[in-house]
Amino acid sequence: MSSVAGAELWIVRHGETEWSRDGRHTSTTDLPLTADGEEAAILLGPRLYDTDFDLVLTSPRQRARRTAELAGFPHAEVDDDLAEWAYGDYEGITTDEIRRSVPGWSVWTHPSPGGESADDVSARLDRVVERAREHDRTLVFAHGHSLRVLTARWLEQPADEGRFFRLDTSTVSVLGFERETPVLLKWNS
């Protein structure tokens, strides 16, 4: 077990799907990776192989589970708390489409009718932070917005601070500590 100040949380955003490529909000729709997404997921493996992880978790969505598998972690434990932010009525549509009826809309500043609130997402991801801080090094495979909220919560910030952490598909980021302060060690790599 880790002392909190020694813990690291490695986060991997899943590989490309058709909707992530096209900028469509994807939460509960369980899309597969594209061929490019699968290739990029395979290339994640060599970046992770030489690191020992005490705990490996994945979102229940196939795009995250498949990324974990292709990166060399087929036995990642499914954790429902890592699911993407539920967009409700905005599932499958782009921000530009939403803004035609709700000018200035952002998941960070506006509600998603029929979906989760920032507080709902934050509560789920606080459980992941707590769990990760019980281990020396945790690896998670999940989604753009949920991982950005996870990062904000690791840094002891409100969920909406996730807006500052752009996160591309098939990237590795590392959260940790500098002494007792939670910090970003590597981002969107």
Protein backbone atom coordinates (compact mmCIF):
# COMPACT_ATOMS: atom_id res chain seq x y z
CA MET A 1 0.00 0.00 0.00
CA SER A 2 1.10 3.51 -0.76
CA SER A 3 1.28 6.48 1.47
CA VAL A 4 -0.99 8.99 -0.23
CA ALA A 5 1.93 11.26 -1.11
CA GLY A 6 3.67 8.47 -3.04
CA ALA A 7 0.74 7.38 -5.21
CA GLU A 8 0.65 7.73 -8.98
CA LEU A 9 -2.41 7.55 -11.21
CA TRP A 10 -1.73 6.81 -14.86
CA ILE A 11 -4.63 7.63 -17.15
CA VAL A 12 -5.17 6.48 -20.72
CA ARG A 13 -7.93 7.82 -22.95
CA HIS A 14 -9.35 5.14 -25.22
CA GLY A 15 -8.47 4.92 -28.90
CA GLU A 16 -10.40 6.67 -31.63
CA THR A 17 -14.02 5.78 -32.40
CA GLU A 18 -16.09 7.18 -35.27
CA TRP A 19 -17.83 9.54 -32.88
CA SER A 20 -14.70 10.72 -31.06
CA ARG A 21 -13.13 11.39 -34.46
CA ASP A 22 -16.22 13.36 -35.53
CA GLY A 23 -16.62 15.31 -32.27
CA ARG A 24 -19.88 13.62 -31.24
CA HIS A 25 -20.61 13.31 -27.51
CA THR A 26 -20.32 9.62 -26.68
CA SER A 27 -21.21 8.22 -23.30
CA THR A 28 -23.58 5.29 -23.13
CA THR A 29 -23.45 4.45 -26.85
CA ASP A 30 -21.02 1.53 -26.90
CA LEU A 31 -18.99 2.10 -30.05
CA PRO A 32 -16.00 0.05 -31.20
CA LEU A 33 -12.60 1.51 -31.97
CA THR A 34 -11.82 2.45 -35.56
CA ALA A 35 -8.92 0.68 -37.30
CA ASP A 36 -6.78 3.74 -36.49
CA GLY A 37 -7.98 3.56 -32.86
CA GLU A 38 -6.95 -0.09 -32.62
CA GLU A 39 -3.52 0.61 -34.10
CA ALA A 40 -2.95 3.51 -31.68
CA ALA A 41 -4.05 1.33 -28.74
CA ILE A 42 -1.48 -1.31 -29.69
CA LEU A 43 1.21 1.40 -29.77
CA LEU A 44 0.35 2.35 -26.17
CA GLY A 45 1.64 -1.01 -24.93
CA PRO A 46 5.39 -0.37 -25.21
CA ARG A 47 4.90 2.90 -23.29
CA LEU A 48 3.32 1.01 -20.38
CA TYR A 49 5.04 -2.42 -20.31
CA ASP A 50 8.04 -1.42 -18.21
CA THR A 51 5.92 0.08 -15.43
CA ASP A 52 4.53 -1.98 -12.57
CA PHE A 53 0.91 -1.25 -11.69
CA ASP A 54 -0.72 -2.37 -8.45
CA LEU A 55 -4.21 -1.80 -9.83
CA VAL A 56 -5.50 -1.63 -13.42
CA LEU A 57 -9.04 -0.40 -14.02
CA THR A 58 -11.17 0.23 -17.09
CA SER A 59 -14.47 1.82 -17.91
CA PRO A 60 -17.17 -0.71 -18.80
CA ARG A 61 -17.48 0.67 -22.36
CA GLN A 62 -15.99 -1.51 -25.09
CA ARG A 63 -13.83 1.31 -26.47
CA ALA A 64 -11.97 1.56 -23.14
CA ARG A 65 -11.88 -2.20 -22.51
CA ARG A 66 -10.56 -2.85 -26.04
CA THR A 67 -7.90 -0.16 -25.63
CA ALA A 68 -6.80 -1.82 -22.37
CA GLU A 69 -6.69 -5.22 -24.06
CA LEU A 70 -4.70 -4.03 -27.09
CA ALA A 71 -2.29 -2.10 -24.85
CA GLY A 72 -1.51 -5.35 -23.00
CA PHE A 73 -3.93 -5.21 -20.05
CA PRO A 74 -6.69 -7.69 -20.97
CA HIS A 75 -7.48 -8.42 -17.31
CA ALA A 76 -8.16 -4.80 -16.32
CA GLU A 77 -10.90 -4.67 -13.71
CA VAL A 78 -14.10 -3.01 -14.89
CA ASP A 79 -15.05 -0.06 -12.69
CA ASP A 80 -18.41 1.54 -13.51
CA ASP A 81 -17.25 4.78 -11.89
CA LEU A 82 -14.94 5.33 -14.90
CA ALA A 83 -17.81 5.50 -17.41
CA GLU A 84 -17.98 8.65 -19.50
CA TRP A 85 -20.07 11.62 -18.39
CA ALA A 86 -23.68 10.76 -19.36
CA TYR A 87 -24.76 13.38 -21.91
CA GLY A 88 -28.46 12.47 -21.89
CA ASP A 89 -30.29 14.21 -24.75
CA TYR A 90 -26.95 15.36 -26.19
CA GLU A 91 -25.68 11.82 -26.80
CA GLY A 92 -24.35 11.47 -30.34
CA ILE A 93 -24.43 15.15 -31.29
CA THR A 94 -21.68 17.74 -31.50
CA THR A 95 -21.15 20.87 -29.45
CA ASP A 96 -21.82 23.00 -32.55
CA GLU A 97 -25.21 21.27 -32.99
CA ILE A 98 -26.10 21.84 -29.33
CA ARG A 99 -25.09 25.50 -29.55
CA ARG A 100 -27.65 26.12 -32.30
CA SER A 101 -30.34 25.89 -29.61
CA VAL A 102 -28.23 26.67 -26.51
CA PRO A 103 -25.70 29.39 -27.41
CA GLY A 104 -22.41 29.07 -25.54
CA TRP A 105 -23.22 25.56 -24.29
CA SER A 106 -20.37 23.58 -22.71
CA VAL A 107 -20.52 20.38 -20.68
CA TRP A 108 -18.48 22.31 -18.09
CA THR A 109 -20.92 25.19 -17.66
CA HIS A 110 -24.39 24.00 -18.73
CA PRO A 111 -26.62 21.06 -17.85
CA SER A 112 -27.09 18.11 -20.21
CA PRO A 113 -30.85 17.42 -20.17
CA GLY A 114 -31.47 13.83 -19.14
CA GLY A 115 -27.77 13.36 -18.35
CA GLU A 116 -25.47 13.62 -15.36
CA SER A 117 -24.57 16.79 -13.50
CA ALA A 118 -20.97 17.76 -12.79
CA ASP A 119 -21.64 16.83 -9.13
CA ASP A 120 -22.78 13.33 -10.16
CA VAL A 121 -19.64 12.77 -12.25
CA SER A 122 -17.44 14.22 -9.52
CA ALA A 123 -18.89 11.87 -6.88
CA ARG A 124 -18.13 8.83 -9.05
CA LEU A 125 -14.61 9.91 -9.80
CA ASP A 126 -13.87 10.84 -6.19
CA ARG A 127 -14.27 7.11 -5.47
CA VAL A 128 -11.66 6.32 -8.14
CA VAL A 129 -9.26 8.90 -6.66
CA GLU A 130 -9.73 7.40 -3.20
CA ARG A 131 -9.13 3.92 -4.52
CA ALA A 132 -6.03 4.94 -6.51
CA ARG A 133 -4.50 6.67 -3.50
CA GLU A 134 -4.58 3.33 -1.67
CA HIS A 135 -2.04 1.93 -4.19
CA ASP A 136 1.45 2.83 -5.30
CA ARG A 137 0.62 3.00 -9.00
CA THR A 138 -2.80 2.69 -10.64
CA LEU A 139 -3.55 2.59 -14.38
CA VAL A 140 -6.99 3.49 -15.72
CA PHE A 141 -8.51 3.32 -19.21
CA ALA A 142 -11.46 5.62 -19.74
CA HIS A 143 -12.86 8.64 -21.62
CA GLY A 144 -12.15 12.28 -22.39
CA HIS A 145 -14.51 14.12 -20.07
CA SER A 146 -14.48 11.58 -17.24
CA LEU A 147 -10.68 11.55 -17.18
CA ARG A 148 -10.57 15.35 -17.20
CA VAL A 149 -12.90 15.39 -14.18
CA LEU A 150 -10.78 12.66 -12.57
CA THR A 151 -7.74 14.88 -13.04
CA ALA A 152 -9.47 17.90 -11.51
CA ARG A 153 -10.56 15.82 -8.52
CA TRP A 154 -7.03 14.35 -8.10
CA LEU A 155 -5.79 17.95 -7.96
CA GLU A 156 -8.49 18.71 -5.36
CA GLN A 157 -10.30 21.07 -7.73
CA PRO A 158 -13.99 21.23 -8.70
CA ALA A 159 -15.09 19.10 -11.66
CA ASP A 160 -15.43 22.10 -14.00
CA GLU A 161 -11.69 22.72 -13.74
CA GLY A 162 -11.39 19.72 -16.06
CA ARG A 163 -12.08 22.16 -18.87
CA PHE A 164 -8.41 23.18 -18.72
CA PHE A 165 -7.10 19.67 -19.51
CA ARG A 166 -7.51 18.88 -23.19
CA LEU A 167 -7.14 15.13 -23.62
CA ASP A 168 -6.67 13.42 -26.98
CA THR A 169 -7.45 9.80 -27.80
CA SER A 170 -4.76 7.16 -27.18
CA THR A 171 -2.74 9.34 -24.83
CA VAL A 172 -1.00 8.63 -21.53
CA SER A 173 -1.04 11.09 -18.64
CA VAL A 174 0.37 10.70 -15.15
CA LEU A 175 -0.86 12.26 -11.92
CA GLY A 176 1.14 12.11 -8.74
CA PHE A 177 2.50 14.19 -5.91
CA GLU A 178 5.21 16.70 -5.21
CA ARG A 179 5.71 16.12 -1.50
CA GLU A 180 2.13 16.17 -0.20
CA THR A 181 0.68 18.26 -3.05
CA PRO A 182 -1.18 16.47 -5.87
CA VAL A 183 0.28 17.45 -9.27
CA LEU A 184 0.37 16.66 -12.98
CA LEU A 185 3.52 14.70 -13.76
CA LYS A 186 2.85 14.18 -17.49
CA TRP A 187 -0.08 15.26 -19.65
CA ASN A 188 -1.62 14.22 -22.98
CA SER A 189 1.53 12.38 -24.02
